[in-house]
Amino acid sequence: MKTRTFEVPVDQMIDFAGIIDEHNLNNTIQGANDDDEIVIEVHYEPDDRDGVFELIELLDPEDDDD
């Protein structure tokens, strides 16, 4: 099982939690960082990485104009 740590701004928590639920990803809330972001560890199998990629895209969307 792999683990990835995310620092999630409070205003994106609902969307982040929705993706976790949709993909049935195991997770652990670790606390908050100095920027008041919620630190979450997501545990996943390689087959579940699409959900993890969705979380990454939510937090760091790429500019489609590139």
Protein backbone atom coordinates (compact mmCIF):
# COMPACT_ATOMS: atom_id res chain seq x y z
CA MET A 1 0.00 0.00 0.00
CA LYS A 2 1.25 3.47 -0.89
CA THR A 3 0.71 6.68 1.06
CA ARG A 4 0.56 10.27 -0.14
CA THR A 5 0.26 13.29 2.13
CA PHE A 6 -1.89 16.25 1.11
CA GLU A 7 -2.16 19.73 2.59
CA VAL A 8 -5.75 20.74 1.90
CA PRO A 9 -7.02 24.32 2.20
CA VAL A 10 -10.19 24.50 4.28
CA ASP A 11 -12.21 25.87 1.36
CA GLN A 12 -11.44 22.74 -0.69
CA MET A 13 -12.17 20.16 2.02
CA ILE A 14 -15.69 19.32 0.85
CA ASP A 15 -14.54 18.58 -2.71
CA PHE A 16 -11.48 16.69 -1.41
CA ALA A 17 -13.65 14.55 0.90
CA GLY A 18 -16.07 13.88 -1.95
CA ILE A 19 -13.29 12.47 -4.13
CA ILE A 20 -12.02 10.33 -1.25
CA ASP A 21 -15.54 8.96 -0.74
CA GLU A 22 -16.18 8.44 -4.46
CA HIS A 23 -13.00 6.37 -4.82
CA ASN A 24 -13.31 4.72 -1.40
CA LEU A 25 -9.77 5.75 -0.43
CA ASN A 26 -8.46 5.09 3.07
CA ASN A 27 -7.25 8.25 4.77
CA THR A 28 -6.06 9.69 8.04
CA ILE A 29 -6.29 13.29 9.18
CA GLN A 30 -2.92 14.20 10.69
CA GLY A 31 -3.77 17.71 11.87
CA ALA A 32 -3.16 21.20 10.52
CA ASN A 33 -0.05 22.96 9.29
CA ASP A 34 1.12 26.53 9.97
CA ASP A 35 -0.99 27.79 7.04
CA ASP A 36 -4.19 26.33 8.61
CA GLU A 37 -4.40 23.69 5.88
CA ILE A 38 -5.60 20.23 6.90
CA VAL A 39 -2.91 17.57 6.56
CA ILE A 40 -4.34 14.28 5.28
CA GLU A 41 -2.58 11.02 4.48
CA VAL A 42 -4.26 8.98 1.75
CA HIS A 43 -3.45 5.27 1.63
CA TYR A 44 -4.04 3.51 -1.68
CA GLU A 45 -3.19 0.54 -3.82
CA PRO A 46 -1.67 1.14 -7.28
CA ASP A 47 -5.04 0.24 -8.86
CA ASP A 48 -6.64 3.16 -6.97
CA ARG A 49 -4.26 5.82 -8.24
CA ASP A 50 -6.90 7.46 -10.49
CA GLY A 51 -8.56 8.81 -7.34
CA VAL A 52 -5.22 10.09 -6.07
CA PHE A 53 -4.58 11.82 -9.41
CA GLU A 54 -8.00 13.45 -9.07
CA LEU A 55 -7.02 14.77 -5.62
CA ILE A 56 -3.75 16.12 -7.01
CA GLU A 57 -5.59 17.85 -9.85
CA LEU A 58 -8.06 19.41 -7.39
CA LEU A 59 -5.28 20.93 -5.31
CA ASP A 60 -2.96 21.89 -8.17
CA PRO A 61 -4.95 22.33 -11.37
CA GLU A 62 -2.87 22.79 -14.49
CA ASP A 63 -3.53 25.73 -16.75
CA ASP A 64 -5.25 24.38 -19.88
CA ASP A 65 -3.94 27.31 -21.95
CA ASP A 66 -0.36 25.97 -22.00
